[in-house]
Amino acid sequence: VTEKYFWPVASWFFFDCGIFFGFGALWGGPYLMHVYGMTRVEAGAVLSMIAWGMIVGSPPLGFLSDKIMKSRKKPFILCTFLLVIVMAFLNIFPAGLSRPVLCLVFFIFSICASSVVIFGFTNIKELFPVEIVGTSTGMVNLFPFLGGAVFMPLLGRVLDAYPKTVAGGYSLAAYKMLLLILLGASVVSLICTFLIKETFNPE
């Protein structure tokens, strides 16, 4: 924890995984049902794109880092920048998107918020001597779950602060505020990536 380059990665994990757990794992489903009027089955079909993003995202990102960009930091910045774009897109278009567009949005969201964690763990592994890699990785692994533990109830409180709809669901205005918070968190995550140390070793 005395290593100054540990904290940008840890902070990135906190905010990025807070976004992923808070929206992708918890409030994304209610958002689709309340704003788009989807059934649970329909919302589940859209959210399944998150799983597909996690499955297919990591290998290409690893190849991008090792063989094309030859960098840990550059693809880290790129993916987090794309996450900002995704959250900005949802802020601009919080409703009215077609089903295929929503599937694409959640697919890209998954790659940029979940598959990208390979860079975080790799960066920490390469940042510290091999003798303490286990300790450093274990320490940084606390922050993704801390982010989820904070963001999931926090976003729930934000939604509860707005009046419910006649049907008993959360309003579009409530979800607009939720999406705005997630956009802010993604911008903080992006700032963190610029502070991360480049650890790629071509040898």
C-alpha atoms as a PDB file:
ATOM      1  CA  VAL A   1       0.000   0.000   0.000  1.00  0.00           C
ATOM      2  CA  THR A   2       3.021   2.308   0.217  1.00  0.00           C
ATOM      3  CA  GLU A   3       3.544   1.917  -3.540  1.00  0.00           C
ATOM      4  CA  LYS A   4       1.976   5.045  -5.044  1.00  0.00           C
ATOM      5  CA  TYR A   5       1.060   3.302  -8.298  1.00  0.00           C
ATOM      6  CA  PHE A   6      -1.035   0.766  -6.392  1.00  0.00           C
ATOM      7  CA  TRP A   7      -3.726   3.325  -5.611  1.00  0.00           C
ATOM      8  CA  PRO A   8      -4.719   4.395  -9.148  1.00  0.00           C
ATOM      9  CA  VAL A   9      -5.358   0.731  -9.989  1.00  0.00           C
ATOM     10  CA  ALA A  10      -7.228   0.144  -6.725  1.00  0.00           C
ATOM     11  CA  SER A  11      -9.329   3.267  -7.274  1.00  0.00           C
ATOM     12  CA  TRP A  12     -10.065   2.219 -10.835  1.00  0.00           C
ATOM     13  CA  PHE A  13     -11.246  -1.181  -9.585  1.00  0.00           C
ATOM     14  CA  PHE A  14     -13.506   0.514  -7.027  1.00  0.00           C
ATOM     15  CA  PHE A  15     -15.290   2.781  -9.492  1.00  0.00           C
ATOM     16  CA  ASP A  16     -15.288   0.470 -12.515  1.00  0.00           C
ATOM     17  CA  CYS A  17     -16.621  -2.537 -10.630  1.00  0.00           C
ATOM     18  CA  GLY A  18     -19.003  -0.303  -8.717  1.00  0.00           C
ATOM     19  CA  ILE A  19     -20.477   0.587 -12.110  1.00  0.00           C
ATOM     20  CA  PHE A  20     -20.501  -3.034 -13.257  1.00  0.00           C
ATOM     21  CA  PHE A  21     -22.060  -4.491 -10.123  1.00  0.00           C
ATOM     22  CA  GLY A  22     -24.390  -1.552  -9.560  1.00  0.00           C
ATOM     23  CA  PHE A  23     -25.794  -1.397 -13.083  1.00  0.00           C
ATOM     24  CA  GLY A  24     -24.905  -4.616 -14.860  1.00  0.00           C
ATOM     25  CA  ALA A  25     -25.568  -6.968 -11.962  1.00  0.00           C
ATOM     26  CA  LEU A  26     -28.380  -5.206 -10.084  1.00  0.00           C
ATOM     27  CA  TRP A  27     -30.208  -2.195 -11.496  1.00  0.00           C
ATOM     28  CA  GLY A  28     -29.882  -2.901 -15.218  1.00  0.00           C
ATOM     29  CA  GLY A  29     -32.769  -5.374 -15.083  1.00  0.00           C
ATOM     30  CA  PRO A  30     -35.219  -3.059 -13.295  1.00  0.00           C
ATOM     31  CA  TYR A  31     -34.124  -0.255 -15.637  1.00  0.00           C
ATOM     32  CA  LEU A  32     -35.127  -2.293 -18.684  1.00  0.00           C
ATOM     33  CA  MET A  33     -38.418  -3.353 -17.096  1.00  0.00           C
ATOM     34  CA  HIS A  34     -39.430   0.051 -15.725  1.00  0.00           C
ATOM     35  CA  VAL A  35     -38.249   2.295 -18.569  1.00  0.00           C
ATOM     36  CA  TYR A  36     -38.737  -0.039 -21.542  1.00  0.00           C
ATOM     37  CA  GLY A  37     -41.658  -2.052 -20.174  1.00  0.00           C
ATOM     38  CA  MET A  38     -39.873  -5.354 -20.725  1.00  0.00           C
ATOM     39  CA  THR A  39     -40.838  -8.570 -18.996  1.00  0.00           C
ATOM     40  CA  ARG A  40     -38.259 -10.320 -16.840  1.00  0.00           C
ATOM     41  CA  VAL A  41     -37.594 -12.761 -19.666  1.00  0.00           C
ATOM     42  CA  GLU A  42     -37.088  -9.964 -22.194  1.00  0.00           C
ATOM     43  CA  ALA A  43     -34.839  -8.015 -19.834  1.00  0.00           C
ATOM     44  CA  GLY A  44     -32.885 -11.197 -19.109  1.00  0.00           C
ATOM     45  CA  ALA A  45     -32.309 -11.728 -22.825  1.00  0.00           C
ATOM     46  CA  VAL A  46     -30.804  -8.247 -23.154  1.00  0.00           C
ATOM     47  CA  LEU A  47     -28.741  -8.667 -19.986  1.00  0.00           C
ATOM     48  CA  SER A  48     -27.387 -11.986 -21.285  1.00  0.00           C
ATOM     49  CA  MET A  49     -25.213  -9.856 -23.547  1.00  0.00           C
ATOM     50  CA  ILE A  50     -23.223  -9.003 -20.422  1.00  0.00           C
ATOM     51  CA  ALA A  51     -22.283 -12.673 -20.075  1.00  0.00           C
ATOM     52  CA  TRP A  52     -21.353 -12.880 -23.747  1.00  0.00           C
ATOM     53  CA  GLY A  53     -19.192  -9.797 -23.406  1.00  0.00           C
ATOM     54  CA  MET A  54     -17.366 -11.357 -20.480  1.00  0.00           C
ATOM     55  CA  ILE A  55     -16.854 -14.615 -22.398  1.00  0.00           C
ATOM     56  CA  VAL A  56     -15.514 -13.203 -25.652  1.00  0.00           C
ATOM     57  CA  GLY A  57     -13.932  -9.973 -24.428  1.00  0.00           C
ATOM     58  CA  SER A  58     -10.871 -11.022 -22.461  1.00  0.00           C
ATOM     59  CA  PRO A  59      -8.859 -12.991 -25.095  1.00  0.00           C
ATOM     60  CA  PRO A  60      -8.977 -10.217 -27.736  1.00  0.00           C
ATOM     61  CA  LEU A  61      -8.090  -7.619 -25.106  1.00  0.00           C
ATOM     62  CA  GLY A  62      -5.099  -9.690 -24.036  1.00  0.00           C
ATOM     63  CA  PHE A  63      -3.972  -9.984 -27.656  1.00  0.00           C
ATOM     64  CA  LEU A  64      -4.479  -6.242 -28.125  1.00  0.00           C
ATOM     65  CA  SER A  65      -2.264  -5.537 -25.132  1.00  0.00           C
ATOM     66  CA  ASP A  66       0.498  -8.074 -25.830  1.00  0.00           C
ATOM     67  CA  LYS A  67       0.780  -8.062 -29.616  1.00  0.00           C
ATOM     68  CA  ILE A  68      -0.692  -4.872 -31.049  1.00  0.00           C
ATOM     69  CA  MET A  69      -0.393  -2.003 -28.574  1.00  0.00           C
ATOM     70  CA  LYS A  70       2.423  -3.663 -26.592  1.00  0.00           C
ATOM     71  CA  SER A  71       1.189  -1.796 -23.564  1.00  0.00           C
ATOM     72  CA  ARG A  72      -0.905  -2.295 -20.448  1.00  0.00           C
ATOM     73  CA  LYS A  73      -1.788   1.352 -19.999  1.00  0.00           C
ATOM     74  CA  LYS A  74      -2.983   2.219 -23.517  1.00  0.00           C
ATOM     75  CA  PRO A  75      -5.675  -0.491 -23.819  1.00  0.00           C
ATOM     76  CA  PHE A  76      -6.626   0.242 -20.201  1.00  0.00           C
ATOM     77  CA  ILE A  77      -7.281   3.869 -21.172  1.00  0.00           C
ATOM     78  CA  LEU A  78      -9.025   2.868 -24.412  1.00  0.00           C
ATOM     79  CA  CYS A  79     -11.492   0.489 -22.759  1.00  0.00           C
ATOM     80  CA  THR A  80     -12.296   2.885 -19.939  1.00  0.00           C
ATOM     81  CA  PHE A  81     -12.792   5.689 -22.457  1.00  0.00           C
ATOM     82  CA  LEU A  82     -15.265   3.464 -24.310  1.00  0.00           C
ATOM     83  CA  LEU A  83     -17.046   2.861 -20.996  1.00  0.00           C
ATOM     84  CA  VAL A  84     -17.412   6.632 -20.622  1.00  0.00           C
ATOM     85  CA  ILE A  85     -18.853   6.751 -24.157  1.00  0.00           C
ATOM     86  CA  VAL A  86     -21.349   3.995 -23.314  1.00  0.00           C
ATOM     87  CA  MET A  87     -22.505   5.751 -20.153  1.00  0.00           C
ATOM     88  CA  ALA A  88     -22.703   9.090 -21.974  1.00  0.00           C
ATOM     89  CA  PHE A  89     -24.782   7.426 -24.699  1.00  0.00           C
ATOM     90  CA  LEU A  90     -27.231   6.088 -22.112  1.00  0.00           C
ATOM     91  CA  ASN A  91     -27.428   9.527 -20.529  1.00  0.00           C
ATOM     92  CA  ILE A  92     -28.275  11.085 -23.894  1.00  0.00           C
ATOM     93  CA  PHE A  93     -30.700   8.288 -24.806  1.00  0.00           C
ATOM     94  CA  PRO A  94     -32.066   6.936 -21.495  1.00  0.00           C
ATOM     95  CA  ALA A  95     -35.174   5.624 -23.258  1.00  0.00           C
ATOM     96  CA  GLY A  96     -36.460   4.789 -26.723  1.00  0.00           C
ATOM     97  CA  LEU A  97     -33.592   2.593 -27.930  1.00  0.00           C
ATOM     98  CA  SER A  98     -34.373  -0.487 -30.011  1.00  0.00           C
ATOM     99  CA  ARG A  99     -33.785  -3.988 -28.669  1.00  0.00           C
ATOM    100  CA  PRO A 100     -30.755  -4.653 -30.939  1.00  0.00           C
ATOM    101  CA  VAL A 101     -29.143  -1.363 -29.895  1.00  0.00           C
ATOM    102  CA  LEU A 102     -29.691  -2.193 -26.224  1.00  0.00           C
ATOM    103  CA  CYS A 103     -28.079  -5.595 -26.746  1.00  0.00           C
ATOM    104  CA  LEU A 104     -25.076  -3.950 -28.383  1.00  0.00           C
ATOM    105  CA  VAL A 105     -24.827  -1.362 -25.597  1.00  0.00           C
ATOM    106  CA  PHE A 106     -24.825  -3.995 -22.860  1.00  0.00           C
ATOM    107  CA  PHE A 107     -22.334  -6.131 -24.804  1.00  0.00           C
ATOM    108  CA  ILE A 108     -19.861  -3.248 -25.120  1.00  0.00           C
ATOM    109  CA  PHE A 109     -20.575  -2.246 -21.523  1.00  0.00           C
ATOM    110  CA  SER A 110     -19.576  -5.731 -20.370  1.00  0.00           C
ATOM    111  CA  ILE A 111     -16.289  -5.737 -22.287  1.00  0.00           C
ATOM    112  CA  CYS A 112     -15.334  -2.264 -21.082  1.00  0.00           C
ATOM    113  CA  ALA A 113     -16.429  -2.709 -17.460  1.00  0.00           C
ATOM    114  CA  SER A 114     -15.730  -6.410 -16.849  1.00  0.00           C
ATOM    115  CA  SER A 115     -13.358  -8.031 -19.365  1.00  0.00           C
ATOM    116  CA  VAL A 116     -11.022  -5.065 -18.937  1.00  0.00           C
ATOM    117  CA  VAL A 117     -10.178  -6.127 -15.361  1.00  0.00           C
ATOM    118  CA  ILE A 118      -7.480  -8.391 -16.822  1.00  0.00           C
ATOM    119  CA  PHE A 119      -5.381  -5.250 -17.265  1.00  0.00           C
ATOM    120  CA  GLY A 120      -5.827  -4.296 -13.624  1.00  0.00           C
ATOM    121  CA  PHE A 121      -4.652  -7.619 -12.246  1.00  0.00           C
ATOM    122  CA  THR A 122      -1.830  -7.871 -14.799  1.00  0.00           C
ATOM    123  CA  ASN A 123      -0.667  -4.359 -13.950  1.00  0.00           C
ATOM    124  CA  ILE A 124      -0.538  -5.178 -10.238  1.00  0.00           C
ATOM    125  CA  LYS A 125       1.284  -8.454 -10.934  1.00  0.00           C
ATOM    126  CA  GLU A 126       3.931  -6.655 -12.981  1.00  0.00           C
ATOM    127  CA  LEU A 127       4.174  -3.700 -10.618  1.00  0.00           C
ATOM    128  CA  PHE A 128       5.438  -5.668  -7.614  1.00  0.00           C
ATOM    129  CA  PRO A 129       8.287  -8.149  -7.045  1.00  0.00           C
ATOM    130  CA  VAL A 130       7.315 -11.779  -7.523  1.00  0.00           C
ATOM    131  CA  GLU A 131       7.772 -12.415  -3.792  1.00  0.00           C
ATOM    132  CA  ILE A 132       4.722 -10.302  -2.914  1.00  0.00           C
ATOM    133  CA  VAL A 133       2.574 -10.748  -6.017  1.00  0.00           C
ATOM    134  CA  GLY A 134       0.070 -12.850  -4.079  1.00  0.00           C
ATOM    135  CA  THR A 135      -0.235 -10.255  -1.337  1.00  0.00           C
ATOM    136  CA  SER A 136      -0.568  -7.318  -3.732  1.00  0.00           C
ATOM    137  CA  THR A 137      -3.132  -9.118  -5.889  1.00  0.00           C
ATOM    138  CA  GLY A 138      -5.108 -10.106  -2.810  1.00  0.00           C
ATOM    139  CA  MET A 139      -5.082  -6.520  -1.571  1.00  0.00           C
ATOM    140  CA  VAL A 140      -6.279  -5.014  -4.852  1.00  0.00           C
ATOM    141  CA  ASN A 141      -8.941  -7.721  -5.149  1.00  0.00           C
ATOM    142  CA  LEU A 142     -10.750  -6.127  -2.204  1.00  0.00           C
ATOM    143  CA  PHE A 143     -11.588  -3.015  -4.186  1.00  0.00           C
ATOM    144  CA  PRO A 144     -13.883  -4.469  -6.889  1.00  0.00           C
ATOM    145  CA  PHE A 145     -16.156  -5.907  -4.225  1.00  0.00           C
ATOM    146  CA  LEU A 146     -15.901  -2.784  -2.101  1.00  0.00           C
ATOM    147  CA  GLY A 147     -17.087  -0.817  -5.121  1.00  0.00           C
ATOM    148  CA  GLY A 148     -20.042  -3.138  -5.551  1.00  0.00           C
ATOM    149  CA  ALA A 149     -20.855  -2.997  -1.842  1.00  0.00           C
ATOM    150  CA  VAL A 150     -20.969   0.807  -1.988  1.00  0.00           C
ATOM    151  CA  PHE A 151     -22.596   1.401  -5.367  1.00  0.00           C
ATOM    152  CA  MET A 152     -25.391  -1.175  -5.198  1.00  0.00           C
ATOM    153  CA  PRO A 153     -27.165   0.271  -2.121  1.00  0.00           C
ATOM    154  CA  LEU A 154     -26.158   3.835  -3.038  1.00  0.00           C
ATOM    155  CA  LEU A 155     -27.912   3.610  -6.388  1.00  0.00           C
ATOM    156  CA  GLY A 156     -30.913   2.069  -4.665  1.00  0.00           C
ATOM    157  CA  ARG A 157     -31.137   5.048  -2.332  1.00  0.00           C
ATOM    158  CA  VAL A 158     -30.929   7.391  -5.310  1.00  0.00           C
ATOM    159  CA  LEU A 159     -33.846   5.614  -6.965  1.00  0.00           C
ATOM    160  CA  ASP A 160     -35.848   5.623  -3.729  1.00  0.00           C
ATOM    161  CA  ALA A 161     -35.451   9.403  -3.500  1.00  0.00           C
ATOM    162  CA  TYR A 162     -37.788   9.819  -6.477  1.00  0.00           C
ATOM    163  CA  PRO A 163     -41.571   9.252  -6.493  1.00  0.00           C
ATOM    164  CA  LYS A 164     -42.668   5.869  -7.840  1.00  0.00           C
ATOM    165  CA  THR A 165     -44.762   5.515 -10.977  1.00  0.00           C
ATOM    166  CA  VAL A 166     -48.431   4.535 -10.879  1.00  0.00           C
ATOM    167  CA  ALA A 167     -47.382   0.955 -11.591  1.00  0.00           C
ATOM    168  CA  GLY A 168     -45.064   1.001  -8.583  1.00  0.00           C
ATOM    169  CA  GLY A 169     -41.790   1.087 -10.491  1.00  0.00           C
ATOM    170  CA  TYR A 170     -39.027   3.664 -10.538  1.00  0.00           C
ATOM    171  CA  SER A 171     -39.486   6.640 -12.840  1.00  0.00           C
ATOM    172  CA  LEU A 172     -37.433   7.661 -15.847  1.00  0.00           C
ATOM    173  CA  ALA A 173     -36.252  10.712 -13.888  1.00  0.00           C
ATOM    174  CA  ALA A 174     -34.875   8.407 -11.190  1.00  0.00           C
ATOM    175  CA  TYR A 175     -32.972   6.337 -13.718  1.00  0.00           C
ATOM    176  CA  LYS A 176     -31.639   9.478 -15.380  1.00  0.00           C
ATOM    177  CA  MET A 177     -30.024  10.443 -12.077  1.00  0.00           C
ATOM    178  CA  LEU A 178     -28.678   6.910 -11.659  1.00  0.00           C
ATOM    179  CA  LEU A 179     -27.133   7.029 -15.131  1.00  0.00           C
ATOM    180  CA  LEU A 180     -25.642  10.450 -14.435  1.00  0.00           C
ATOM    181  CA  ILE A 181     -23.919   9.092 -11.316  1.00  0.00           C
ATOM    182  CA  LEU A 182     -22.576   6.155 -13.315  1.00  0.00           C
ATOM    183  CA  LEU A 183     -21.266   8.537 -15.967  1.00  0.00           C
ATOM    184  CA  GLY A 184     -19.444  10.515 -13.282  1.00  0.00           C
ATOM    185  CA  ALA A 185     -17.955   7.316 -11.866  1.00  0.00           C
ATOM    186  CA  SER A 186     -16.771   6.257 -15.323  1.00  0.00           C
ATOM    187  CA  VAL A 187     -15.021   9.612 -15.783  1.00  0.00           C
ATOM    188  CA  VAL A 188     -13.237   9.122 -12.448  1.00  0.00           C
ATOM    189  CA  SER A 189     -12.217   5.639 -13.629  1.00  0.00           C
ATOM    190  CA  LEU A 190     -10.797   7.148 -16.803  1.00  0.00           C
ATOM    191  CA  ILE A 191      -8.764   9.670 -14.812  1.00  0.00           C
ATOM    192  CA  CYS A 192      -7.347   6.783 -12.771  1.00  0.00           C
ATOM    193  CA  THR A 193      -6.093   5.025 -15.915  1.00  0.00           C
ATOM    194  CA  PHE A 194      -3.954   8.034 -16.838  1.00  0.00           C
ATOM    195  CA  LEU A 195      -2.263   7.788 -13.425  1.00  0.00           C
ATOM    196  CA  ILE A 196      -1.442   4.098 -13.779  1.00  0.00           C
ATOM    197  CA  LYS A 197       2.181   3.130 -14.399  1.00  0.00           C
ATOM    198  CA  GLU A 198       3.063   1.397 -17.661  1.00  0.00           C
ATOM    199  CA  THR A 199       4.322  -2.076 -16.705  1.00  0.00           C
ATOM    200  CA  PHE A 200       4.540  -3.823 -20.086  1.00  0.00           C
ATOM    201  CA  ASN A 201       7.913  -5.470 -20.632  1.00  0.00           C
ATOM    202  CA  PRO A 202       8.604  -6.441 -24.272  1.00  0.00           C
ATOM    203  CA  GLU A 203      11.133  -9.018 -23.115  1.00  0.00           C
END
